[in-house]
Structures are given as structure tokens and as C-alpha cells.
Amino acid sequence: MIKIALFGVALNSNNYGCSALGISQIDMLQKIAVSLDLNVEYHVFSGESSAILTPLSNYIRTDNIVFEKIVRFRTGLRGIIQLRKAISKCDLVIDLTYGDSFSERRDL
């Protein structure tokens, strides 16, 4: 099984653009995995929980999505060590950085 870490991904956000980007990212990666006959597990590093997976199952496969805890300031060094361990278990890391903000125009 290939484990893919996803950062900067929101699957259930009030910013529908971020949610659409996250959902479509997993859908696209899953289609590639199926075409290559690969078994993939997606590790989503966000503040979201697995409670949001039920409504998402209408759009994407959800039985291969795992939510990982992200580092909070109060966890300090221990949180960073836990984050590093979780990332090191993955084979690939993708960071979308909530990508829709790249399309915003900012006048200086």
C-alpha cells in the first residue's frame, strides 16, 4: 500500500473552493491509482475529523482516508516529533497550501 500525506487540504470548509480543491485532489489521485492498479491510503493532515467522511462518500471513496492530527502550539516539541513520525510513515507528501489563494489578485 502506498501512503500519501496531504497537507493544505480542506474537505469540509466554509470556503467551498478549498473543499472542492481537496475533494478533487483525492478523486484525481484515486483515478490515477486505479489506472495503475495501486492501493493508496490518503493521510490528511488538517484540523478536520473522520466525522465528515460520511457526506463525502457521495463524491469520493472514503474508506482509504485517514485524518492525522496537526501540530498545535500547546503540544510543543512533542507535537513536532509526533508529526514527524506520522509523515515518515508516508511514501509521498503533497502540499496544496489551500491552493485557491494562489489565484487571488493582490494589488500593491
PDB file of N, CA and C in Angstrom:
ATOM      1  N   MET A   1       0.831  -1.172   0.000  1.00  0.00           N
ATOM      2  CA  MET A   1       0.000   0.000   0.000  1.00  0.00           C
ATOM      3  C   MET A   1       0.884   1.247   0.000  1.00  0.00           C
ATOM      4  N   ILE A   2       0.506   2.204  -0.823  1.00  0.00           N
ATOM      5  CA  ILE A   2       1.196   3.484  -0.891  1.00  0.00           C
ATOM      6  C   ILE A   2       0.434   4.473  -0.023  1.00  0.00           C
ATOM      7  N   LYS A   3       1.179   5.164   0.834  1.00  0.00           N
ATOM      8  CA  LYS A   3       0.567   6.158   1.723  1.00  0.00           C
ATOM      9  C   LYS A   3       0.969   7.541   1.258  1.00  0.00           C
ATOM     10  N   ILE A   4      -0.051   8.370   1.011  1.00  0.00           N
ATOM     11  CA  ILE A   4       0.184   9.728   0.542  1.00  0.00           C
ATOM     12  C   ILE A   4      -0.262  10.704   1.621  1.00  0.00           C
ATOM     13  N   ALA A   5       0.646  11.577   2.042  1.00  0.00           N
ATOM     14  CA  ALA A   5       0.328  12.631   3.006  1.00  0.00           C
ATOM     15  C   ALA A   5      -0.172  13.852   2.241  1.00  0.00           C
ATOM     16  N   LEU A   6      -1.294  14.390   2.679  1.00  0.00           N
ATOM     17  CA  LEU A   6      -1.863  15.585   2.057  1.00  0.00           C
ATOM     18  C   LEU A   6      -1.905  16.715   3.082  1.00  0.00           C
ATOM     19  N   PHE A   7      -1.207  17.792   2.768  1.00  0.00           N
ATOM     20  CA  PHE A   7      -1.211  18.993   3.608  1.00  0.00           C
ATOM     21  C   PHE A   7      -1.921  20.110   2.858  1.00  0.00           C
ATOM     22  N   GLY A   8      -2.457  21.068   3.602  1.00  0.00           N
ATOM     23  CA  GLY A   8      -3.123  22.201   2.983  1.00  0.00           C
ATOM     24  C   GLY A   8      -4.367  21.784   2.226  1.00  0.00           C
ATOM     25  N   VAL A   9      -5.071  20.790   2.760  1.00  0.00           N
ATOM     26  CA  VAL A   9      -6.266  20.260   2.117  1.00  0.00           C
ATOM     27  C   VAL A   9      -7.427  20.388   3.098  1.00  0.00           C
ATOM     28  N   ALA A  10      -8.521  20.977   2.647  1.00  0.00           N
ATOM     29  CA  ALA A  10      -9.748  21.035   3.445  1.00  0.00           C
ATOM     30  C   ALA A  10     -10.816  20.259   2.686  1.00  0.00           C
ATOM     31  N   LEU A  11     -11.453  19.351   3.367  1.00  0.00           N
ATOM     32  CA  LEU A  11     -12.507  18.566   2.718  1.00  0.00           C
ATOM     33  C   LEU A  11     -13.895  19.037   3.121  1.00  0.00           C
ATOM     34  N   ASN A  12     -13.965  19.833   4.181  1.00  0.00           N
ATOM     35  CA  ASN A  12     -15.255  20.338   4.651  1.00  0.00           C
ATOM     36  C   ASN A  12     -15.048  21.735   5.229  1.00  0.00           C
ATOM     37  N   SER A  13     -14.871  22.689   4.351  1.00  0.00           N
ATOM     38  CA  SER A  13     -14.570  24.058   4.754  1.00  0.00           C
ATOM     39  C   SER A  13     -15.707  24.989   4.351  1.00  0.00           C
ATOM     40  N   ASN A  14     -15.821  26.112   5.064  1.00  0.00           N
ATOM     41  CA  ASN A  14     -16.773  27.146   4.641  1.00  0.00           C
ATOM     42  C   ASN A  14     -16.318  27.791   3.338  1.00  0.00           C
ATOM     43  N   ASN A  15     -15.047  27.665   3.029  1.00  0.00           N
ATOM     44  CA  ASN A  15     -14.518  28.129   1.751  1.00  0.00           C
ATOM     45  C   ASN A  15     -14.696  26.968   0.763  1.00  0.00           C
ATOM     46  N   TYR A  16     -15.771  27.024  -0.006  1.00  0.00           N
ATOM     47  CA  TYR A  16     -16.106  25.913  -0.888  1.00  0.00           C
ATOM     48  C   TYR A  16     -15.037  25.650  -1.934  1.00  0.00           C
ATOM     49  N   GLY A  17     -14.270  26.673  -2.294  1.00  0.00           N
ATOM     50  CA  GLY A  17     -13.181  26.475  -3.251  1.00  0.00           C
ATOM     51  C   GLY A  17     -12.114  25.558  -2.685  1.00  0.00           C
ATOM     52  N   CYS A  18     -11.788  25.752  -1.403  1.00  0.00           N
ATOM     53  CA  CYS A  18     -10.794  24.884  -0.751  1.00  0.00           C
ATOM     54  C   CYS A  18     -11.313  23.457  -0.639  1.00  0.00           C
ATOM     55  N   SER A  19     -12.594  23.314  -0.290  1.00  0.00           N
ATOM     56  CA  SER A  19     -13.175  21.966  -0.190  1.00  0.00           C
ATOM     57  C   SER A  19     -13.183  21.284  -1.548  1.00  0.00           C
ATOM     58  N   ALA A  20     -13.585  22.018  -2.585  1.00  0.00           N
ATOM     59  CA  ALA A  20     -13.615  21.437  -3.932  1.00  0.00           C
ATOM     60  C   ALA A  20     -12.221  21.024  -4.371  1.00  0.00           C
ATOM     61  N   LEU A  21     -11.230  21.829  -4.042  1.00  0.00           N
ATOM     62  CA  LEU A  21      -9.854  21.507  -4.406  1.00  0.00           C
ATOM     63  C   LEU A  21      -9.394  20.234  -3.700  1.00  0.00           C
ATOM     64  N   GLY A  22      -9.673  20.128  -2.405  1.00  0.00           N
ATOM     65  CA  GLY A  22      -9.263  18.945  -1.655  1.00  0.00           C
ATOM     66  C   GLY A  22      -9.946  17.675  -2.135  1.00  0.00           C
ATOM     67  N   ILE A  23     -11.257  17.761  -2.337  1.00  0.00           N
ATOM     68  CA  ILE A  23     -12.019  16.602  -2.795  1.00  0.00           C
ATOM     69  C   ILE A  23     -11.567  16.183  -4.189  1.00  0.00           C
ATOM     70  N   SER A  24     -11.390  17.153  -5.072  1.00  0.00           N
ATOM     71  CA  SER A  24     -10.978  16.813  -6.440  1.00  0.00           C
ATOM     72  C   SER A  24      -9.550  16.281  -6.478  1.00  0.00           C
ATOM     73  N   GLN A  25      -8.698  16.747  -5.565  1.00  0.00           N
ATOM     74  CA  GLN A  25      -7.323  16.234  -5.495  1.00  0.00           C
ATOM     75  C   GLN A  25      -7.333  14.752  -5.162  1.00  0.00           C
ATOM     76  N   ILE A  26      -8.109  14.371  -4.147  1.00  0.00           N
ATOM     77  CA  ILE A  26      -8.186  12.961  -3.778  1.00  0.00           C
ATOM     78  C   ILE A  26      -8.825  12.150  -4.904  1.00  0.00           C
ATOM     79  N   ASP A  27      -9.855  12.690  -5.522  1.00  0.00           N
ATOM     80  CA  ASP A  27     -10.515  11.983  -6.628  1.00  0.00           C
ATOM     81  C   ASP A  27      -9.541  11.751  -7.786  1.00  0.00           C
ATOM     82  N   MET A  28      -8.771  12.768  -8.131  1.00  0.00           N
ATOM     83  CA  MET A  28      -7.800  12.650  -9.223  1.00  0.00           C
ATOM     84  C   MET A  28      -6.714  11.623  -8.880  1.00  0.00           C
ATOM     85  N   LEU A  29      -6.185  11.705  -7.667  1.00  0.00           N
ATOM     86  CA  LEU A  29      -5.160  10.749  -7.256  1.00  0.00           C
ATOM     87  C   LEU A  29      -5.707   9.325  -7.238  1.00  0.00           C
ATOM     88  N   GLN A  30      -6.956   9.164  -6.819  1.00  0.00           N
ATOM     89  CA  GLN A  30      -7.554   7.832  -6.776  1.00  0.00           C
ATOM     90  C   GLN A  30      -7.737   7.263  -8.186  1.00  0.00           C
ATOM     91  N   LYS A  31      -8.130   8.106  -9.124  1.00  0.00           N
ATOM     92  CA  LYS A  31      -8.278   7.645 -10.509  1.00  0.00           C
ATOM     93  C   LYS A  31      -6.934   7.198 -11.081  1.00  0.00           C
ATOM     94  N   ILE A  32      -5.881   7.935 -10.758  1.00  0.00           N
ATOM     95  CA  ILE A  32      -4.543   7.543 -11.204  1.00  0.00           C
ATOM     96  C   ILE A  32      -4.155   6.215 -10.567  1.00  0.00           C
ATOM     97  N   ALA A  33      -4.413   6.082  -9.268  1.00  0.00           N
ATOM     98  CA  ALA A  33      -4.083   4.842  -8.553  1.00  0.00           C
ATOM     99  C   ALA A  33      -4.807   3.647  -9.153  1.00  0.00           C
ATOM    100  N   VAL A  34      -6.074   3.803  -9.459  1.00  0.00           N
ATOM    101  CA  VAL A  34      -6.855   2.706 -10.050  1.00  0.00           C
ATOM    102  C   VAL A  34      -6.282   2.333 -11.417  1.00  0.00           C
ATOM    103  N   SER A  35      -5.940   3.349 -12.220  1.00  0.00           N
ATOM    104  CA  SER A  35      -5.417   3.068 -13.556  1.00  0.00           C
ATOM    105  C   SER A  35      -4.078   2.334 -13.501  1.00  0.00           C
ATOM    106  N   LEU A  36      -3.325   2.535 -12.413  1.00  0.00           N
ATOM    107  CA  LEU A  36      -2.031   1.869 -12.246  1.00  0.00           C
ATOM    108  C   LEU A  36      -2.127   0.633 -11.360  1.00  0.00           C
ATOM    109  N   ASP A  37      -3.339   0.290 -10.975  1.00  0.00           N
ATOM    110  CA  ASP A  37      -3.611  -0.863 -10.104  1.00  0.00           C
ATOM    111  C   ASP A  37      -2.834  -0.757  -8.785  1.00  0.00           C
ATOM    112  N   LEU A  38      -2.897   0.430  -8.180  1.00  0.00           N
ATOM    113  CA  LEU A  38      -2.219   0.691  -6.915  1.00  0.00           C
ATOM    114  C   LEU A  38      -3.234   0.823  -5.789  1.00  0.00           C
ATOM    115  N   ASN A  39      -2.870   0.363  -4.631  1.00  0.00           N
ATOM    116  CA  ASN A  39      -3.688   0.518  -3.440  1.00  0.00           C
ATOM    117  C   ASN A  39      -3.121   1.708  -2.665  1.00  0.00           C
ATOM    118  N   VAL A  40      -3.908   2.776  -2.509  1.00  0.00           N
ATOM    119  CA  VAL A  40      -3.417   4.011  -1.905  1.00  0.00           C
ATOM    120  C   VAL A  40      -4.258   4.372  -0.686  1.00  0.00           C
ATOM    121  N   GLU A  41      -3.565   4.872   0.336  1.00  0.00           N
ATOM    122  CA  GLU A  41      -4.216   5.391   1.531  1.00  0.00           C
ATOM    123  C   GLU A  41      -3.810   6.856   1.647  1.00  0.00           C
ATOM    124  N   TYR A  42      -4.776   7.742   1.868  1.00  0.00           N
ATOM    125  CA  TYR A  42      -4.528   9.176   1.936  1.00  0.00           C
ATOM    126  C   TYR A  42      -4.540   9.620   3.391  1.00  0.00           C
ATOM    127  N   HIS A  43      -3.451  10.229   3.829  1.00  0.00           N
ATOM    128  CA  HIS A  43      -3.337  10.736   5.198  1.00  0.00           C
ATOM    129  C   HIS A  43      -3.479  12.248   5.130  1.00  0.00           C
ATOM    130  N   VAL A  44      -4.627  12.736   5.571  1.00  0.00           N
ATOM    131  CA  VAL A  44      -4.948  14.156   5.502  1.00  0.00           C
ATOM    132  C   VAL A  44      -4.521  14.811   6.814  1.00  0.00           C
ATOM    133  N   PHE A  45      -3.597  15.740   6.714  1.00  0.00           N
ATOM    134  CA  PHE A  45      -3.116  16.480   7.876  1.00  0.00           C
ATOM    135  C   PHE A  45      -3.883  17.793   7.944  1.00  0.00           C
ATOM    136  N   SER A  46      -4.904  17.825   8.769  1.00  0.00           N
ATOM    137  CA  SER A  46      -5.736  19.020   8.907  1.00  0.00           C
ATOM    138  C   SER A  46      -6.408  18.990  10.268  1.00  0.00           C
ATOM    139  N   GLY A  47      -7.175  19.999  10.547  1.00  0.00           N
ATOM    140  CA  GLY A  47      -7.915  20.048  11.802  1.00  0.00           C
ATOM    141  C   GLY A  47      -9.242  19.327  11.718  1.00  0.00           C
ATOM    142  N   GLU A  48      -9.520  18.697  10.600  1.00  0.00           N
ATOM    143  CA  GLU A  48     -10.797  18.018  10.407  1.00  0.00           C
ATOM    144  C   GLU A  48     -10.765  16.622  11.032  1.00  0.00           C
ATOM    145  N   SER A  49     -11.947  16.056  11.189  1.00  0.00           N
ATOM    146  CA  SER A  49     -12.027  14.717  11.774  1.00  0.00           C
ATOM    147  C   SER A  49     -12.764  13.779  10.830  1.00  0.00           C
ATOM    148  N   SER A  50     -12.698  12.509  11.143  1.00  0.00           N
ATOM    149  CA  SER A  50     -13.340  11.497  10.299  1.00  0.00           C
ATOM    150  C   SER A  50     -14.861  11.618  10.281  1.00  0.00           C
ATOM    151  N   ALA A  51     -15.437  12.445  11.131  1.00  0.00           N
ATOM    152  CA  ALA A  51     -16.888  12.629  11.147  1.00  0.00           C
ATOM    153  C   ALA A  51     -17.411  13.206   9.826  1.00  0.00           C
ATOM    154  N   ILE A  52     -16.560  13.874   9.078  1.00  0.00           N
ATOM    155  CA  ILE A  52     -17.016  14.481   7.821  1.00  0.00           C
ATOM    156  C   ILE A  52     -17.011  13.491   6.659  1.00  0.00           C
ATOM    157  N   LEU A  53     -16.517  12.283   6.876  1.00  0.00           N
ATOM    158  CA  LEU A  53     -16.375  11.338   5.769  1.00  0.00           C
ATOM    159  C   LEU A  53     -17.712  10.817   5.244  1.00  0.00           C
ATOM    160  N   THR A  54     -18.704  10.679   6.086  1.00  0.00           N
ATOM    161  CA  THR A  54     -19.986  10.135   5.630  1.00  0.00           C
ATOM    162  C   THR A  54     -20.584  10.958   4.496  1.00  0.00           C
ATOM    163  N   PRO A  55     -20.741  12.281   4.626  1.00  0.00           N
ATOM    164  CA  PRO A  55     -21.286  13.035   3.490  1.00  0.00           C
ATOM    165  C   PRO A  55     -20.362  13.055   2.274  1.00  0.00           C
ATOM    166  N   LEU A  56     -19.053  12.946   2.501  1.00  0.00           N
ATOM    167  CA  LEU A  56     -18.108  12.955   1.380  1.00  0.00           C
ATOM    168  C   LEU A  56     -18.188  11.685   0.541  1.00  0.00           C
ATOM    169  N   SER A  57     -18.710  10.619   1.124  1.00  0.00           N
ATOM    170  CA  SER A  57     -18.758   9.346   0.397  1.00  0.00           C
ATOM    171  C   SER A  57     -19.660   9.423  -0.828  1.00  0.00           C
ATOM    172  N   ASN A  58     -20.458  10.473  -0.947  1.00  0.00           N
ATOM    173  CA  ASN A  58     -21.252  10.682  -2.164  1.00  0.00           C
ATOM    174  C   ASN A  58     -20.376  11.125  -3.329  1.00  0.00           C
ATOM    175  N   TYR A  59     -19.181  11.630  -3.014  1.00  0.00           N
ATOM    176  CA  TYR A  59     -18.324  12.200  -4.049  1.00  0.00           C
ATOM    177  C   TYR A  59     -17.034  11.422  -4.287  1.00  0.00           C
ATOM    178  N   ILE A  60     -16.451  10.908  -3.208  1.00  0.00           N
ATOM    179  CA  ILE A  60     -15.179  10.201  -3.328  1.00  0.00           C
ATOM    180  C   ILE A  60     -15.194   8.966  -2.433  1.00  0.00           C
ATOM    181  N   ARG A  61     -14.289   8.053  -2.741  1.00  0.00           N
ATOM    182  CA  ARG A  61     -14.097   6.895  -1.869  1.00  0.00           C
ATOM    183  C   ARG A  61     -13.491   7.400  -0.555  1.00  0.00           C
ATOM    184  N   THR A  62     -14.042   6.968   0.569  1.00  0.00           N
ATOM    185  CA  THR A  62     -13.586   7.495   1.852  1.00  0.00           C
ATOM    186  C   THR A  62     -12.979   6.441   2.780  1.00  0.00           C
ATOM    187  N   ASP A  63     -13.077   5.182   2.419  1.00  0.00           N
ATOM    188  CA  ASP A  63     -12.551   4.144   3.312  1.00  0.00           C
ATOM    189  C   ASP A  63     -11.026   4.097   3.329  1.00  0.00           C
ATOM    190  N   ASN A  64     -10.395   4.868   2.472  1.00  0.00           N
ATOM    191  CA  ASN A  64      -8.936   4.902   2.433  1.00  0.00           C
ATOM    192  C   ASN A  64      -8.386   6.279   2.830  1.00  0.00           C
ATOM    193  N   ILE A  65      -9.195   7.041   3.582  1.00  0.00           N
ATOM    194  CA  ILE A  65      -8.770   8.358   4.061  1.00  0.00           C
ATOM    195  C   ILE A  65      -8.572   8.287   5.571  1.00  0.00           C
ATOM    196  N   VAL A  66      -7.414   8.740   6.012  1.00  0.00           N
ATOM    197  CA  VAL A  66      -7.072   8.763   7.436  1.00  0.00           C
ATOM    198  C   VAL A  66      -6.764  10.208   7.808  1.00  0.00           C
ATOM    199  N   PHE A  67      -7.370  10.702   8.873  1.00  0.00           N
ATOM    200  CA  PHE A  67      -7.070  12.055   9.332  1.00  0.00           C
ATOM    201  C   PHE A  67      -5.985  11.995  10.396  1.00  0.00           C
ATOM    202  N   GLU A  68      -4.963  12.797  10.191  1.00  0.00           N
ATOM    203  CA  GLU A  68      -3.849  12.893  11.138  1.00  0.00           C
ATOM    204  C   GLU A  68      -3.969  14.207  11.901  1.00  0.00           C
ATOM    205  N   LYS A  69      -3.559  14.191  13.141  1.00  0.00           N
ATOM    206  CA  LYS A  69      -3.566  15.413  13.936  1.00  0.00           C
ATOM    207  C   LYS A  69      -2.453  16.330  13.452  1.00  0.00           C
ATOM    208  N   ILE A  70      -2.760  17.606  13.445  1.00  0.00           N
ATOM    209  CA  ILE A  70      -1.734  18.578  13.076  1.00  0.00           C
ATOM    210  C   ILE A  70      -1.137  19.156  14.350  1.00  0.00           C
ATOM    211  N   VAL A  71       0.021  19.762  14.236  1.00  0.00           N
ATOM    212  CA  VAL A  71       0.723  20.309  15.392  1.00  0.00           C
ATOM    213  C   VAL A  71      -0.010  21.556  15.877  1.00  0.00           C
ATOM    214  N   ARG A  72      -0.243  21.599  17.152  1.00  0.00           N
ATOM    215  CA  ARG A  72      -0.796  22.785  17.815  1.00  0.00           C
ATOM    216  C   ARG A  72       0.315  23.386  18.672  1.00  0.00           C
ATOM    217  N   PHE A  73       0.274  24.669  18.873  1.00  0.00           N
ATOM    218  CA  PHE A  73       1.314  25.336  19.658  1.00  0.00           C
ATOM    219  C   PHE A  73       1.465  24.723  21.041  1.00  0.00           C
ATOM    220  N   ARG A  74       0.362  24.330  21.638  1.00  0.00           N
ATOM    221  CA  ARG A  74       0.432  23.835  23.014  1.00  0.00           C
ATOM    222  C   ARG A  74       1.131  22.473  23.124  1.00  0.00           C
ATOM    223  N   THR A  75       1.292  21.759  22.007  1.00  0.00           N
ATOM    224  CA  THR A  75       1.958  20.452  22.068  1.00  0.00           C
ATOM    225  C   THR A  75       3.476  20.581  22.016  1.00  0.00           C
ATOM    226  N   GLY A  76       3.958  21.720  21.573  1.00  0.00           N
ATOM    227  CA  GLY A  76       5.396  21.979  21.566  1.00  0.00           C
ATOM    228  C   GLY A  76       6.197  20.947  20.803  1.00  0.00           C
ATOM    229  N   LEU A  77       7.368  20.655  21.330  1.00  0.00           N
ATOM    230  CA  LEU A  77       8.297  19.729  20.678  1.00  0.00           C
ATOM    231  C   LEU A  77       7.689  18.331  20.538  1.00  0.00           C
ATOM    232  N   ARG A  78       6.930  17.902  21.525  1.00  0.00           N
ATOM    233  CA  ARG A  78       6.297  16.580  21.461  1.00  0.00           C
ATOM    234  C   ARG A  78       5.388  16.488  20.224  1.00  0.00           C
ATOM    235  N   GLY A  79       4.646  17.556  19.943  1.00  0.00           N
ATOM    236  CA  GLY A  79       3.780  17.562  18.768  1.00  0.00           C
ATOM    237  C   GLY A  79       4.563  17.491  17.471  1.00  0.00           C
ATOM    238  N   ILE A  80       5.692  18.167  17.434  1.00  0.00           N
ATOM    239  CA  ILE A  80       6.528  18.140  16.229  1.00  0.00           C
ATOM    240  C   ILE A  80       7.089  16.742  16.016  1.00  0.00           C
ATOM    241  N   ILE A  81       7.495  16.086  17.082  1.00  0.00           N
ATOM    242  CA  ILE A  81       8.015  14.719  16.972  1.00  0.00           C
ATOM    243  C   ILE A  81       6.919  13.775  16.473  1.00  0.00           C
ATOM    244  N   GLN A  82       5.705  13.919  17.005  1.00  0.00           N
ATOM    245  CA  GLN A  82       4.589  13.079  16.557  1.00  0.00           C
ATOM    246  C   GLN A  82       4.274  13.336  15.089  1.00  0.00           C
ATOM    247  N   LEU A  83       4.307  14.597  14.694  1.00  0.00           N
ATOM    248  CA  LEU A  83       4.061  14.947  13.297  1.00  0.00           C
ATOM    249  C   LEU A  83       5.117  14.326  12.394  1.00  0.00           C
ATOM    250  N   ARG A  84       6.367  14.403  12.798  1.00  0.00           N
ATOM    251  CA  ARG A  84       7.458  13.827  12.004  1.00  0.00           C
ATOM    252  C   ARG A  84       7.282  12.324  11.842  1.00  0.00           C
ATOM    253  N   LYS A  85       6.886  11.633  12.908  1.00  0.00           N
ATOM    254  CA  LYS A  85       6.659  10.191  12.839  1.00  0.00           C
ATOM    255  C   LYS A  85       5.529   9.872  11.859  1.00  0.00           C
ATOM    256  N   ALA A  86       4.446  10.651  11.926  1.00  0.00           N
ATOM    257  CA  ALA A  86       3.307  10.406  11.032  1.00  0.00           C
ATOM    258  C   ALA A  86       3.705  10.640   9.580  1.00  0.00           C
ATOM    259  N   ILE A  87       4.470  11.685   9.323  1.00  0.00           N
ATOM    260  CA  ILE A  87       4.908  11.977   7.953  1.00  0.00           C
ATOM    261  C   ILE A  87       5.856  10.896   7.452  1.00  0.00           C
ATOM    262  N   SER A  88       6.746  10.422   8.316  1.00  0.00           N
ATOM    263  CA  SER A  88       7.740   9.434   7.891  1.00  0.00           C
ATOM    264  C   SER A  88       7.103   8.100   7.506  1.00  0.00           C
ATOM    265  N   LYS A  89       5.877   7.850   7.921  1.00  0.00           N
ATOM    266  CA  LYS A  89       5.177   6.622   7.539  1.00  0.00           C
ATOM    267  C   LYS A  89       4.605   6.707   6.133  1.00  0.00           C
ATOM    268  N   CYS A  90       4.627   7.908   5.554  1.00  0.00           N
ATOM    269  CA  CYS A  90       4.064   8.109   4.216  1.00  0.00           C
ATOM    270  C   CYS A  90       5.158   8.010   3.155  1.00  0.00           C
ATOM    271  N   ASP A  91       4.733   7.609   1.969  1.00  0.00           N
ATOM    272  CA  ASP A  91       5.661   7.448   0.848  1.00  0.00           C
ATOM    273  C   ASP A  91       5.799   8.709   0.009  1.00  0.00           C
ATOM    274  N   LEU A  92       4.797   9.563   0.079  1.00  0.00           N
ATOM    275  CA  LEU A  92       4.748  10.766  -0.755  1.00  0.00           C
ATOM    276  C   LEU A  92       4.042  11.855   0.022  1.00  0.00           C
ATOM    277  N   VAL A  93       4.513  13.097  -0.117  1.00  0.00           N
ATOM    278  CA  VAL A  93       3.885  14.231   0.554  1.00  0.00           C
ATOM    279  C   VAL A  93       3.467  15.244  -0.505  1.00  0.00           C
ATOM    280  N   ILE A  94       2.211  15.662  -0.436  1.00  0.00           N
ATOM    281  CA  ILE A  94       1.688  16.693  -1.335  1.00  0.00           C
ATOM    282  C   ILE A  94       1.153  17.821  -0.465  1.00  0.00           C
ATOM    283  N   ASP A  95       1.555  19.052  -0.767  1.00  0.00           N
ATOM    284  CA  ASP A  95       1.075  20.218  -0.031  1.00  0.00           C
ATOM    285  C   ASP A  95       0.371  21.152  -1.001  1.00  0.00           C
ATOM    286  N   LEU A  96      -0.935  21.257  -0.870  1.00  0.00           N
ATOM    287  CA  LEU A  96      -1.708  22.151  -1.734  1.00  0.00           C
ATOM    288  C   LEU A  96      -1.784  23.561  -1.162  1.00  0.00           C
ATOM    289  N   THR A  97      -1.456  23.727   0.093  1.00  0.00           N
ATOM    290  CA  THR A  97      -1.496  25.009   0.783  1.00  0.00           C
ATOM    291  C   THR A  97      -2.807  25.734   0.487  1.00  0.00           C
ATOM    292  N   TYR A  98      -3.905  24.985   0.564  1.00  0.00           N
ATOM    293  CA  TYR A  98      -5.235  25.550   0.295  1.00  0.00           C
ATOM    294  C   TYR A  98      -5.179  26.380  -0.976  1.00  0.00           C
ATOM    295  N   GLY A  99      -4.717  25.767  -2.035  1.00  0.00           N
ATOM    296  CA  GLY A  99      -4.305  26.335  -3.298  1.00  0.00           C
ATOM    297  C   GLY A  99      -5.113  27.404  -3.961  1.00  0.00           C
ATOM    298  N   ASP A 100      -6.371  27.614  -3.584  1.00  0.00           N
ATOM    299  CA  ASP A 100      -7.125  28.617  -4.319  1.00  0.00           C
ATOM    300  C   ASP A 100      -6.611  30.032  -4.034  1.00  0.00           C
ATOM    301  N   SER A 101      -5.867  30.232  -2.965  1.00  0.00           N
ATOM    302  CA  SER A 101      -5.351  31.565  -2.680  1.00  0.00           C
ATOM    303  C   SER A 101      -4.291  31.996  -3.688  1.00  0.00           C
ATOM    304  N   PHE A 102      -3.709  31.057  -4.409  1.00  0.00           N
ATOM    305  CA  PHE A 102      -2.729  31.427  -5.431  1.00  0.00           C
ATOM    306  C   PHE A 102      -3.375  32.154  -6.592  1.00  0.00           C
ATOM    307  N   SER A 103      -4.684  31.988  -6.755  1.00  0.00           N
ATOM    308  CA  SER A 103      -5.363  32.603  -7.876  1.00  0.00           C
ATOM    309  C   SER A 103      -5.871  34.002  -7.546  1.00  0.00           C
ATOM    310  N   GLU A 104      -5.755  34.428  -6.301  1.00  0.00           N
ATOM    311  CA  GLU A 104      -6.245  35.745  -5.919  1.00  0.00           C
ATOM    312  C   GLU A 104      -5.315  36.830  -6.439  1.00  0.00           C
ATOM    313  N   ARG A 105      -5.915  37.903  -6.895  1.00  0.00           N
ATOM    314  CA  ARG A 105      -5.120  39.028  -7.367  1.00  0.00           C
ATOM    315  C   ARG A 105      -4.935  39.998  -6.208  1.00  0.00           C
ATOM    316  N   ARG A 106      -3.736  40.427  -6.031  1.00  0.00           N
ATOM    317  CA  ARG A 106      -3.461  41.379  -4.950  1.00  0.00           C
ATOM    318  C   ARG A 106      -2.756  42.582  -5.540  1.00  0.00           C
ATOM    319  N   ASP A 107      -3.415  43.703  -5.420  1.00  0.00           N
ATOM    320  CA  ASP A 107      -2.818  44.949  -5.886  1.00  0.00           C
ATOM    321  C   ASP A 107      -1.942  45.520  -4.781  1.00  0.00           C
ATOM    322  N   LEU A 108      -0.776  45.964  -5.153  1.00  0.00           N
ATOM    323  CA  LEU A 108       0.150  46.533  -4.160  1.00  0.00           C
ATOM    324  C   LEU A 108       0.009  48.014  -4.052  1.00  0.00           C
TER     325      LEU A 108
END
